[in-house]
Amino acid sequence: DGLTAFDREALGRYAPDDATTVSIWRTWDDGEDKITG
């Protein structure tokens, strides 16, 4: 939370103007590493 204009610009569609928070998660599945948002 506490998203700034700089954060929103860097995160793009993951942090639209009307969002107060952004959720991102990292998964590891038997050696496969992925980022999800």
PDB file of all heavy atoms in Angstrom:
ATOM      1  N   ASP A   1       0.854  -1.183   0.000  1.00  0.00           N
ATOM      2  CA  ASP A   1       0.000   0.000   0.000  1.00  0.00           C
ATOM      3  C   ASP A   1       0.895   1.239   0.000  1.00  0.00           C
ATOM      4  O   ASP A   1       2.110   1.143  -0.179  1.00  0.00           O
ATOM      5  CB  ASP A   1      -0.978  -0.008   1.177  1.00  0.00           C
ATOM      6  CG  ASP A   1      -0.285   0.075   2.526  1.00  0.00           C
ATOM      7  OD1 ASP A   1       0.967   0.108   2.560  1.00  0.00           O
ATOM      8  OD2 ASP A   1      -0.973   0.106   3.561  1.00  0.00           O
ATOM      9  N   GLY A   2       0.275   2.411   0.188  1.00  0.00           N
ATOM     10  CA  GLY A   2       1.044   3.650   0.143  1.00  0.00           C
ATOM     11  C   GLY A   2       1.626   3.915  -1.230  1.00  0.00           C
ATOM     12  O   GLY A   2       2.754   4.416  -1.358  1.00  0.00           O
ATOM     13  N   LEU A   3       0.866   3.590  -2.282  1.00  0.00           N
ATOM     14  CA  LEU A   3       1.362   3.729  -3.648  1.00  0.00           C
ATOM     15  C   LEU A   3       1.515   5.197  -4.038  1.00  0.00           C
ATOM     16  O   LEU A   3       0.614   6.003  -3.818  1.00  0.00           O
ATOM     17  CB  LEU A   3       0.413   3.041  -4.625  1.00  0.00           C
ATOM     18  CG  LEU A   3       0.135   1.542  -4.376  1.00  0.00           C
ATOM     19  CD1 LEU A   3      -0.865   1.027  -5.394  1.00  0.00           C
ATOM     20  CD2 LEU A   3       1.419   0.747  -4.426  1.00  0.00           C
ATOM     21  N   THR A   4       2.645   5.523  -4.608  1.00  0.00           N
ATOM     22  CA  THR A   4       2.899   6.875  -5.100  1.00  0.00           C
ATOM     23  C   THR A   4       2.730   6.898  -6.617  1.00  0.00           C
ATOM     24  O   THR A   4       2.594   5.855  -7.264  1.00  0.00           O
ATOM     25  CB  THR A   4       4.318   7.330  -4.743  1.00  0.00           C
ATOM     26  OG1 THR A   4       5.256   6.504  -5.450  1.00  0.00           O
ATOM     27  CG2 THR A   4       4.568   7.212  -3.246  1.00  0.00           C
ATOM     28  N   ALA A   5       2.755   8.107  -7.189  1.00  0.00           N
ATOM     29  CA  ALA A   5       2.665   8.233  -8.645  1.00  0.00           C
ATOM     30  C   ALA A   5       3.832   7.519  -9.322  1.00  0.00           C
ATOM     31  O   ALA A   5       3.675   6.896 -10.382  1.00  0.00           O
ATOM     32  CB  ALA A   5       2.645   9.714  -9.033  1.00  0.00           C
ATOM     33  N   PHE A   6       5.007   7.572  -8.687  1.00  0.00           N
ATOM     34  CA  PHE A   6       6.179   6.879  -9.231  1.00  0.00           C
ATOM     35  C   PHE A   6       5.950   5.371  -9.237  1.00  0.00           C
ATOM     36  O   PHE A   6       6.290   4.683 -10.205  1.00  0.00           O
ATOM     37  CB  PHE A   6       7.407   7.229  -8.391  1.00  0.00           C
ATOM     38  CG  PHE A   6       8.679   6.606  -8.887  1.00  0.00           C
ATOM     39  CD1 PHE A   6       9.442   7.227  -9.858  1.00  0.00           C
ATOM     40  CD2 PHE A   6       9.114   5.386  -8.391  1.00  0.00           C
ATOM     41  CE1 PHE A   6      10.618   6.657 -10.325  1.00  0.00           C
ATOM     42  CE2 PHE A   6      10.279   4.796  -8.845  1.00  0.00           C
ATOM     43  CZ  PHE A   6      11.034   5.433  -9.816  1.00  0.00           C
ATOM     44  N   ASP A   7       5.360   4.842  -8.142  1.00  0.00           N
ATOM     45  CA  ASP A   7       5.067   3.407  -8.065  1.00  0.00           C
ATOM     46  C   ASP A   7       4.107   2.996  -9.169  1.00  0.00           C
ATOM     47  O   ASP A   7       4.303   1.964  -9.837  1.00  0.00           O
ATOM     48  CB  ASP A   7       4.454   3.052  -6.702  1.00  0.00           C
ATOM     49  CG  ASP A   7       5.381   3.376  -5.549  1.00  0.00           C
ATOM     50  OD1 ASP A   7       6.606   3.299  -5.737  1.00  0.00           O
ATOM     51  OD2 ASP A   7       4.875   3.723  -4.466  1.00  0.00           O
ATOM     52  N   ARG A   8       3.060   3.776  -9.359  1.00  0.00           N
ATOM     53  CA  ARG A   8       2.037   3.422 -10.349  1.00  0.00           C
ATOM     54  C   ARG A   8       2.620   3.420 -11.763  1.00  0.00           C
ATOM     55  O   ARG A   8       2.305   2.545 -12.573  1.00  0.00           O
ATOM     56  CB  ARG A   8       0.860   4.398 -10.267  1.00  0.00           C
ATOM     57  CG  ARG A   8       0.121   4.339  -8.936  1.00  0.00           C
ATOM     58  CD  ARG A   8      -1.057   5.303  -8.933  1.00  0.00           C
ATOM     59  NE  ARG A   8      -1.589   5.470  -7.598  1.00  0.00           N
ATOM     60  CZ  ARG A   8      -2.414   4.616  -7.004  1.00  0.00           C
ATOM     61  NH1 ARG A   8      -2.785   3.528  -7.650  1.00  0.00           N
ATOM     62  NH2 ARG A   8      -2.862   4.829  -5.777  1.00  0.00           N
ATOM     63  N   GLU A   9       3.482   4.385 -12.017  1.00  0.00           N
ATOM     64  CA  GLU A   9       4.077   4.440 -13.345  1.00  0.00           C
ATOM     65  C   GLU A   9       4.974   3.233 -13.583  1.00  0.00           C
ATOM     66  O   GLU A   9       4.981   2.651 -14.675  1.00  0.00           O
ATOM     67  CB  GLU A   9       4.885   5.728 -13.497  1.00  0.00           C
ATOM     68  CG  GLU A   9       5.518   5.885 -14.875  1.00  0.00           C
ATOM     69  CD  GLU A   9       6.284   7.187 -15.009  1.00  0.00           C
ATOM     70  OE1 GLU A   9       6.238   8.008 -14.064  1.00  0.00           O
ATOM     71  OE2 GLU A   9       6.928   7.375 -16.048  1.00  0.00           O
ATOM     72  N   ALA A  10       5.726   2.831 -12.559  1.00  0.00           N
ATOM     73  CA  ALA A  10       6.640   1.701 -12.709  1.00  0.00           C
ATOM     74  C   ALA A  10       5.886   0.376 -12.833  1.00  0.00           C
ATOM     75  O   ALA A  10       6.282  -0.510 -13.591  1.00  0.00           O
ATOM     76  CB  ALA A  10       7.601   1.647 -11.525  1.00  0.00           C
ATOM     77  N   LEU A  11       4.780   0.237 -12.089  1.00  0.00           N
ATOM     78  CA  LEU A  11       4.049  -1.028 -12.073  1.00  0.00           C
ATOM     79  C   LEU A  11       3.000  -1.129 -13.172  1.00  0.00           C
ATOM     80  O   LEU A  11       2.456  -2.210 -13.412  1.00  0.00           O
ATOM     81  CB  LEU A  11       3.382  -1.226 -10.700  1.00  0.00           C
ATOM     82  CG  LEU A  11       4.353  -1.436  -9.536  1.00  0.00           C
ATOM     83  CD1 LEU A  11       3.603  -1.443  -8.215  1.00  0.00           C
ATOM     84  CD2 LEU A  11       5.141  -2.729  -9.701  1.00  0.00           C
ATOM     85  N   GLY A  12       2.688  -0.013 -13.805  1.00  0.00           N
ATOM     86  CA  GLY A  12       1.761  -0.054 -14.940  1.00  0.00           C
ATOM     87  C   GLY A  12       0.404  -0.612 -14.567  1.00  0.00           C
ATOM     88  O   GLY A  12      -0.225  -0.178 -13.600  1.00  0.00           O
ATOM     89  N   ARG A  13      -0.062  -1.592 -15.335  1.00  0.00           N
ATOM     90  CA  ARG A  13      -1.421  -2.109 -15.140  1.00  0.00           C
ATOM     91  C   ARG A  13      -1.595  -2.867 -13.829  1.00  0.00           C
ATOM     92  O   ARG A  13      -2.709  -3.177 -13.429  1.00  0.00           O
ATOM     93  CB  ARG A  13      -1.806  -3.030 -16.295  1.00  0.00           C
ATOM     94  CG  ARG A  13      -0.931  -4.273 -16.437  1.00  0.00           C
ATOM     95  CD  ARG A  13      -1.415  -5.098 -17.599  1.00  0.00           C
ATOM     96  NE  ARG A  13      -0.599  -6.281 -17.796  1.00  0.00           N
ATOM     97  CZ  ARG A  13      -1.071  -7.436 -18.229  1.00  0.00           C
ATOM     98  NH1 ARG A  13      -2.346  -7.549 -18.499  1.00  0.00           N
ATOM     99  NH2 ARG A  13      -0.275  -8.464 -18.409  1.00  0.00           N
ATOM    100  N   TYR A  14      -0.481  -3.169 -13.147  1.00  0.00           N
ATOM    101  CA  TYR A  14      -0.601  -3.828 -11.849  1.00  0.00           C
ATOM    102  C   TYR A  14      -1.063  -2.852 -10.762  1.00  0.00           C
ATOM    103  O   TYR A  14      -1.497  -3.280  -9.691  1.00  0.00           O
ATOM    104  CB  TYR A  14       0.738  -4.446 -11.438  1.00  0.00           C
ATOM    105  CG  TYR A  14       1.157  -5.607 -12.304  1.00  0.00           C
ATOM    106  CD1 TYR A  14       1.940  -5.417 -13.423  1.00  0.00           C
ATOM    107  CD2 TYR A  14       0.738  -6.899 -12.014  1.00  0.00           C
ATOM    108  CE1 TYR A  14       2.320  -6.474 -14.235  1.00  0.00           C
ATOM    109  CE2 TYR A  14       1.104  -7.963 -12.815  1.00  0.00           C
ATOM    110  CZ  TYR A  14       1.897  -7.748 -13.917  1.00  0.00           C
ATOM    111  OH  TYR A  14       2.263  -8.806 -14.714  1.00  0.00           O
ATOM    112  N   ALA A  15      -0.951  -1.556 -11.011  1.00  0.00           N
ATOM    113  CA  ALA A  15      -1.328  -0.550 -10.011  1.00  0.00           C
ATOM    114  C   ALA A  15      -2.065   0.595 -10.687  1.00  0.00           C
ATOM    115  O   ALA A  15      -1.527   1.696 -10.831  1.00  0.00           O
ATOM    116  CB  ALA A  15      -0.090  -0.037  -9.283  1.00  0.00           C
ATOM    117  N   PRO A  16      -3.300   0.384 -11.121  1.00  0.00           N
ATOM    118  CA  PRO A  16      -4.066   1.458 -11.762  1.00  0.00           C
ATOM    119  C   PRO A  16      -4.357   2.596 -10.791  1.00  0.00           C
ATOM    120  O   PRO A  16      -4.206   2.454  -9.570  1.00  0.00           O
ATOM    121  CB  PRO A  16      -5.356   0.749 -12.197  1.00  0.00           C
ATOM    122  CG  PRO A  16      -5.454  -0.456 -11.317  1.00  0.00           C
ATOM    123  CD  PRO A  16      -4.051  -0.878 -11.042  1.00  0.00           C
ATOM    124  N   ASP A  17      -4.788   3.726 -11.327  1.00  0.00           N
ATOM    125  CA  ASP A  17      -4.949   4.942 -10.528  1.00  0.00           C
ATOM    126  C   ASP A  17      -5.926   4.772  -9.370  1.00  0.00           C
ATOM    127  O   ASP A  17      -5.762   5.397  -8.321  1.00  0.00           O
ATOM    128  CB  ASP A  17      -5.417   6.094 -11.422  1.00  0.00           C
ATOM    129  CG  ASP A  17      -4.360   6.480 -12.433  1.00  0.00           C
ATOM    130  OD1 ASP A  17      -3.179   6.166 -12.194  1.00  0.00           O
ATOM    131  OD2 ASP A  17      -4.714   7.093 -13.462  1.00  0.00           O
ATOM    132  N   ASP A  18      -6.966   3.960  -9.567  1.00  0.00           N
ATOM    133  CA  ASP A  18      -7.983   3.828  -8.522  1.00  0.00           C
ATOM    134  C   ASP A  18      -7.663   2.735  -7.512  1.00  0.00           C
ATOM    135  O   ASP A  18      -8.443   2.488  -6.594  1.00  0.00           O
ATOM    136  CB  ASP A  18      -9.358   3.566  -9.153  1.00  0.00           C
ATOM    137  CG  ASP A  18      -9.336   2.347 -10.073  1.00  0.00           C
ATOM    138  OD1 ASP A  18      -8.229   1.868 -10.398  1.00  0.00           O
ATOM    139  OD2 ASP A  18     -10.422   1.886 -10.465  1.00  0.00           O
ATOM    140  N   ALA A  19      -6.528   2.055  -7.638  1.00  0.00           N
ATOM    141  CA  ALA A  19      -6.168   0.986  -6.705  1.00  0.00           C
ATOM    142  C   ALA A  19      -5.393   1.563  -5.525  1.00  0.00           C
ATOM    143  O   ALA A  19      -4.488   2.382  -5.703  1.00  0.00           O
ATOM    144  CB  ALA A  19      -5.339  -0.077  -7.413  1.00  0.00           C
ATOM    145  N   THR A  20      -5.746   1.143  -4.322  1.00  0.00           N
ATOM    146  CA  THR A  20      -5.025   1.582  -3.125  1.00  0.00           C
ATOM    147  C   THR A  20      -3.938   0.592  -2.723  1.00  0.00           C
ATOM    148  O   THR A  20      -3.043   0.930  -1.957  1.00  0.00           O
ATOM    149  CB  THR A  20      -5.993   1.765  -1.948  1.00  0.00           C
ATOM    150  OG1 THR A  20      -6.686   0.526  -1.707  1.00  0.00           O
ATOM    151  CG2 THR A  20      -7.013   2.858  -2.254  1.00  0.00           C
ATOM    152  N   THR A  21      -4.025  -0.623  -3.218  1.00  0.00           N
ATOM    153  CA  THR A  21      -3.016  -1.639  -2.928  1.00  0.00           C
ATOM    154  C   THR A  21      -2.687  -2.404  -4.199  1.00  0.00           C
ATOM    155  O   THR A  21      -3.435  -2.352  -5.182  1.00  0.00           O
ATOM    156  CB  THR A  21      -3.507  -2.637  -1.862  1.00  0.00           C
ATOM    157  OG1 THR A  21      -4.620  -3.387  -2.382  1.00  0.00           O
ATOM    158  CG2 THR A  21      -3.919  -1.931  -0.582  1.00  0.00           C
ATOM    159  N   VAL A  22      -1.581  -3.111  -4.159  1.00  0.00           N
ATOM    160  CA  VAL A  22      -1.210  -4.004  -5.255  1.00  0.00           C
ATOM    161  C   VAL A  22      -0.671  -5.289  -4.647  1.00  0.00           C
ATOM    162  O   VAL A  22       0.064  -5.255  -3.663  1.00  0.00           O
ATOM    163  CB  VAL A  22      -0.164  -3.347  -6.185  1.00  0.00           C
ATOM    164  CG1 VAL A  22       1.090  -2.966  -5.431  1.00  0.00           C
ATOM    165  CG2 VAL A  22       0.181  -4.262  -7.339  1.00  0.00           C
ATOM    166  N   SER A  23      -1.080  -6.432  -5.208  1.00  0.00           N
ATOM    167  CA  SER A  23      -0.656  -7.736  -4.695  1.00  0.00           C
ATOM    168  C   SER A  23       0.190  -8.451  -5.734  1.00  0.00           C
ATOM    169  O   SER A  23      -0.190  -8.551  -6.905  1.00  0.00           O
ATOM    170  CB  SER A  23      -1.873  -8.601  -4.345  1.00  0.00           C
ATOM    171  OG  SER A  23      -2.576  -8.058  -3.251  1.00  0.00           O
ATOM    172  N   ILE A  24       1.340  -8.930  -5.295  1.00  0.00           N
ATOM    173  CA  ILE A  24       2.248  -9.671  -6.162  1.00  0.00           C
ATOM    174  C   ILE A  24       2.724 -10.887  -5.388  1.00  0.00           C
ATOM    175  O   ILE A  24       2.972 -10.809  -4.186  1.00  0.00           O
ATOM    176  CB  ILE A  24       3.452  -8.803  -6.573  1.00  0.00           C
ATOM    177  CG1 ILE A  24       2.967  -7.553  -7.317  1.00  0.00           C
ATOM    178  CG2 ILE A  24       4.445  -9.575  -7.434  1.00  0.00           C
ATOM    179  CD1 ILE A  24       4.022  -6.496  -7.476  1.00  0.00           C
ATOM    180  N   TRP A  25       2.819 -12.013  -6.064  1.00  0.00           N
ATOM    181  CA  TRP A  25       3.331 -13.181  -5.361  1.00  0.00           C
ATOM    182  C   TRP A  25       4.292 -13.959  -6.233  1.00  0.00           C
ATOM    183  O   TRP A  25       4.236 -13.946  -7.460  1.00  0.00           O
ATOM    184  CB  TRP A  25       2.216 -14.071  -4.821  1.00  0.00           C
ATOM    185  CG  TRP A  25       1.217 -14.581  -5.806  1.00  0.00           C
ATOM    186  CD1 TRP A  25       1.241 -15.774  -6.456  1.00  0.00           C
ATOM    187  CD2 TRP A  25       0.016 -13.929  -6.206  1.00  0.00           C
ATOM    188  NE1 TRP A  25       0.138 -15.897  -7.249  1.00  0.00           N
ATOM    189  CE2 TRP A  25      -0.636 -14.782  -7.115  1.00  0.00           C
ATOM    190  CE3 TRP A  25      -0.567 -12.689  -5.897  1.00  0.00           C
ATOM    191  CZ2 TRP A  25      -1.840 -14.445  -7.722  1.00  0.00           C
ATOM    192  CZ3 TRP A  25      -1.763 -12.367  -6.503  1.00  0.00           C
ATOM    193  CH2 TRP A  25      -2.388 -13.229  -7.386  1.00  0.00           C
ATOM    194  N   ARG A  26       5.187 -14.623  -5.510  1.00  0.00           N
ATOM    195  CA  ARG A  26       6.216 -15.433  -6.163  1.00  0.00           C
ATOM    196  C   ARG A  26       5.956 -16.886  -5.782  1.00  0.00           C
ATOM    197  O   ARG A  26       5.726 -17.202  -4.615  1.00  0.00           O
ATOM    198  CB  ARG A  26       7.597 -14.998  -5.690  1.00  0.00           C
ATOM    199  CG  ARG A  26       8.737 -15.591  -6.497  1.00  0.00           C
ATOM    200  CD  ARG A  26      10.067 -14.971  -6.127  1.00  0.00           C
ATOM    201  NE  ARG A  26      11.050 -15.220  -7.161  1.00  0.00           N
ATOM    202  CZ  ARG A  26      11.991 -14.376  -7.524  1.00  0.00           C
ATOM    203  NH1 ARG A  26      12.060 -13.199  -6.951  1.00  0.00           N
ATOM    204  NH2 ARG A  26      12.869 -14.681  -8.467  1.00  0.00           N
ATOM    205  N   THR A  27       5.990 -17.766  -6.768  1.00  0.00           N
ATOM    206  CA  THR A  27       5.759 -19.189  -6.528  1.00  0.00           C
ATOM    207  C   THR A  27       6.959 -19.992  -7.006  1.00  0.00           C
ATOM    208  O   THR A  27       7.640 -19.618  -7.974  1.00  0.00           O
ATOM    209  CB  THR A  27       4.499 -19.692  -7.252  1.00  0.00           C
ATOM    210  OG1 THR A  27       4.654 -19.480  -8.664  1.00  0.00           O
ATOM    211  CG2 THR A  27       3.266 -18.957  -6.762  1.00  0.00           C
ATOM    212  N   TRP A  28       7.199 -21.078  -6.309  1.00  0.00           N
ATOM    213  CA  TRP A  28       8.239 -22.042  -6.692  1.00  0.00           C
ATOM    214  C   TRP A  28       7.574 -23.405  -6.721  1.00  0.00           C
ATOM    215  O   TRP A  28       7.002 -23.852  -5.730  1.00  0.00           O
ATOM    216  CB  TRP A  28       9.373 -22.007  -5.681  1.00  0.00           C
ATOM    217  CG  TRP A  28      10.568 -22.851  -6.033  1.00  0.00           C
ATOM    218  CD1 TRP A  28      11.682 -22.457  -6.699  1.00  0.00           C
ATOM    219  CD2 TRP A  28      10.768 -24.236  -5.710  1.00  0.00           C
ATOM    220  NE1 TRP A  28      12.569 -23.510  -6.823  1.00  0.00           N
ATOM    221  CE2 TRP A  28      12.029 -24.614  -6.222  1.00  0.00           C
ATOM    222  CE3 TRP A  28      10.003 -25.188  -5.042  1.00  0.00           C
ATOM    223  CZ2 TRP A  28      12.540 -25.899  -6.088  1.00  0.00           C
ATOM    224  CZ3 TRP A  28      10.507 -26.478  -4.908  1.00  0.00           C
ATOM    225  CH2 TRP A  28      11.758 -26.827  -5.424  1.00  0.00           C
ATOM    226  N   ASP A  29       7.612 -24.042  -7.872  1.00  0.00           N
ATOM    227  CA  ASP A  29       6.931 -25.331  -8.039  1.00  0.00           C
ATOM    228  C   ASP A  29       7.906 -26.326  -8.652  1.00  0.00           C
ATOM    229  O   ASP A  29       8.130 -26.339  -9.867  1.00  0.00           O
ATOM    230  CB  ASP A  29       5.698 -25.164  -8.936  1.00  0.00           C
ATOM    231  CG  ASP A  29       4.776 -26.390  -8.888  1.00  0.00           C
ATOM    232  OD1 ASP A  29       5.232 -27.448  -8.393  1.00  0.00           O
ATOM    233  OD2 ASP A  29       3.633 -26.290  -9.335  1.00  0.00           O
ATOM    234  N   ASP A  30       8.530 -27.120  -7.783  1.00  0.00           N
ATOM    235  CA  ASP A  30       9.470 -28.156  -8.217  1.00  0.00           C
ATOM    236  C   ASP A  30      10.548 -27.577  -9.134  1.00  0.00           C
ATOM    237  O   ASP A  30      10.874 -28.135 -10.186  1.00  0.00           O
ATOM    238  CB  ASP A  30       8.720 -29.286  -8.921  1.00  0.00           C
ATOM    239  CG  ASP A  30       9.577 -30.561  -8.987  1.00  0.00           C
ATOM    240  OD1 ASP A  30      10.606 -30.626  -8.285  1.00  0.00           O
ATOM    241  OD2 ASP A  30       9.214 -31.481  -9.750  1.00  0.00           O
ATOM    242  N   GLY A  31      11.092 -26.422  -8.737  1.00  0.00           N
ATOM    243  CA  GLY A  31      12.185 -25.825  -9.478  1.00  0.00           C
ATOM    244  C   GLY A  31      11.775 -24.719 -10.417  1.00  0.00           C
ATOM    245  O   GLY A  31      12.632 -23.946 -10.885  1.00  0.00           O
ATOM    246  N   GLU A  32      10.485 -24.589 -10.734  1.00  0.00           N
ATOM    247  CA  GLU A  32      10.019 -23.538 -11.631  1.00  0.00           C
ATOM    248  C   GLU A  32       9.602 -22.312 -10.816  1.00  0.00           C
ATOM    249  O   GLU A  32       8.712 -22.382  -9.981  1.00  0.00           O
ATOM    250  CB  GLU A  32       8.844 -24.025 -12.479  1.00  0.00           C
ATOM    251  CG  GLU A  32       8.394 -23.000 -13.503  1.00  0.00           C
ATOM    252  CD  GLU A  32       7.247 -23.511 -14.366  1.00  0.00           C
ATOM    253  OE1 GLU A  32       6.742 -24.625 -14.105  1.00  0.00           O
ATOM    254  OE2 GLU A  32       6.839 -22.777 -15.285  1.00  0.00           O
ATOM    255  N   ASP A  33      10.276 -21.204 -11.104  1.00  0.00           N
ATOM    256  CA  ASP A  33      10.079 -19.960 -10.349  1.00  0.00           C
ATOM    257  C   ASP A  33       9.253 -18.997 -11.190  1.00  0.00           C
ATOM    258  O   ASP A  33       9.624 -18.681 -12.324  1.00  0.00           O
ATOM    259  CB  ASP A  33      11.440 -19.352 -10.025  1.00  0.00           C
ATOM    260  CG  ASP A  33      11.363 -18.201  -9.036  1.00  0.00           C
ATOM    261  OD1 ASP A  33      10.263 -17.654  -8.842  1.00  0.00           O
ATOM    262  OD2 ASP A  33      12.398 -17.831  -8.478  1.00  0.00           O
ATOM    263  N   LYS A  34       8.125 -18.513 -10.637  1.00  0.00           N
ATOM    264  CA  LYS A  34       7.259 -17.596 -11.377  1.00  0.00           C
ATOM    265  C   LYS A  34       6.862 -16.404 -10.520  1.00  0.00           C
ATOM    266  O   LYS A  34       6.750 -16.509  -9.302  1.00  0.00           O
ATOM    267  CB  LYS A  34       5.985 -18.303 -11.849  1.00  0.00           C
ATOM    268  CG  LYS A  34       6.190 -19.271 -12.996  1.00  0.00           C
ATOM    269  CD  LYS A  34       4.848 -19.777 -13.510  1.00  0.00           C
ATOM    270  CE  LYS A  34       5.034 -20.694 -14.708  1.00  0.00           C
ATOM    271  NZ  LYS A  34       3.724 -21.173 -15.235  1.00  0.00           N
ATOM    272  N   ILE A  35       6.612 -15.299 -11.188  1.00  0.00           N
ATOM    273  CA  ILE A  35       6.077 -14.104 -10.552  1.00  0.00           C
ATOM    274  C   ILE A  35       4.648 -13.918 -11.036  1.00  0.00           C
ATOM    275  O   ILE A  35       4.365 -14.016 -12.233  1.00  0.00           O
ATOM    276  CB  ILE A  35       6.897 -12.866 -10.916  1.00  0.00           C
ATOM    277  CG1 ILE A  35       8.358 -13.074 -10.548  1.00  0.00           C
ATOM    278  CG2 ILE A  35       6.341 -11.627 -10.223  1.00  0.00           C
ATOM    279  CD1 ILE A  35       8.608 -13.292  -9.091  1.00  0.00           C
ATOM    280  N   THR A  36       3.755 -13.669 -10.101  1.00  0.00           N
ATOM    281  CA  THR A  36       2.343 -13.505 -10.431  1.00  0.00           C
ATOM    282  C   THR A  36       1.832 -12.235  -9.776  1.00  0.00           C
ATOM    283  O   THR A  36       2.251 -11.888  -8.677  1.00  0.00           O
ATOM    284  CB  THR A  36       1.523 -14.715  -9.930  1.00  0.00           C
ATOM    285  OG1 THR A  36       2.111 -15.910 -10.421  1.00  0.00           O
ATOM    286  CG2 THR A  36       0.085 -14.636 -10.402  1.00  0.00           C
ATOM    287  N   GLY A  37       0.913 -11.550 -10.485  1.00  0.00           N
ATOM    288  CA  GLY A  37       0.341 -10.344  -9.909  1.00  0.00           C
ATOM    289  C   GLY A  37      -1.103 -10.182 -10.295  1.00  0.00           C
ATOM    290  O   GLY A  37      -1.585 -10.798 -11.248  1.00  0.00           O
TER     291      GLY A  37
END
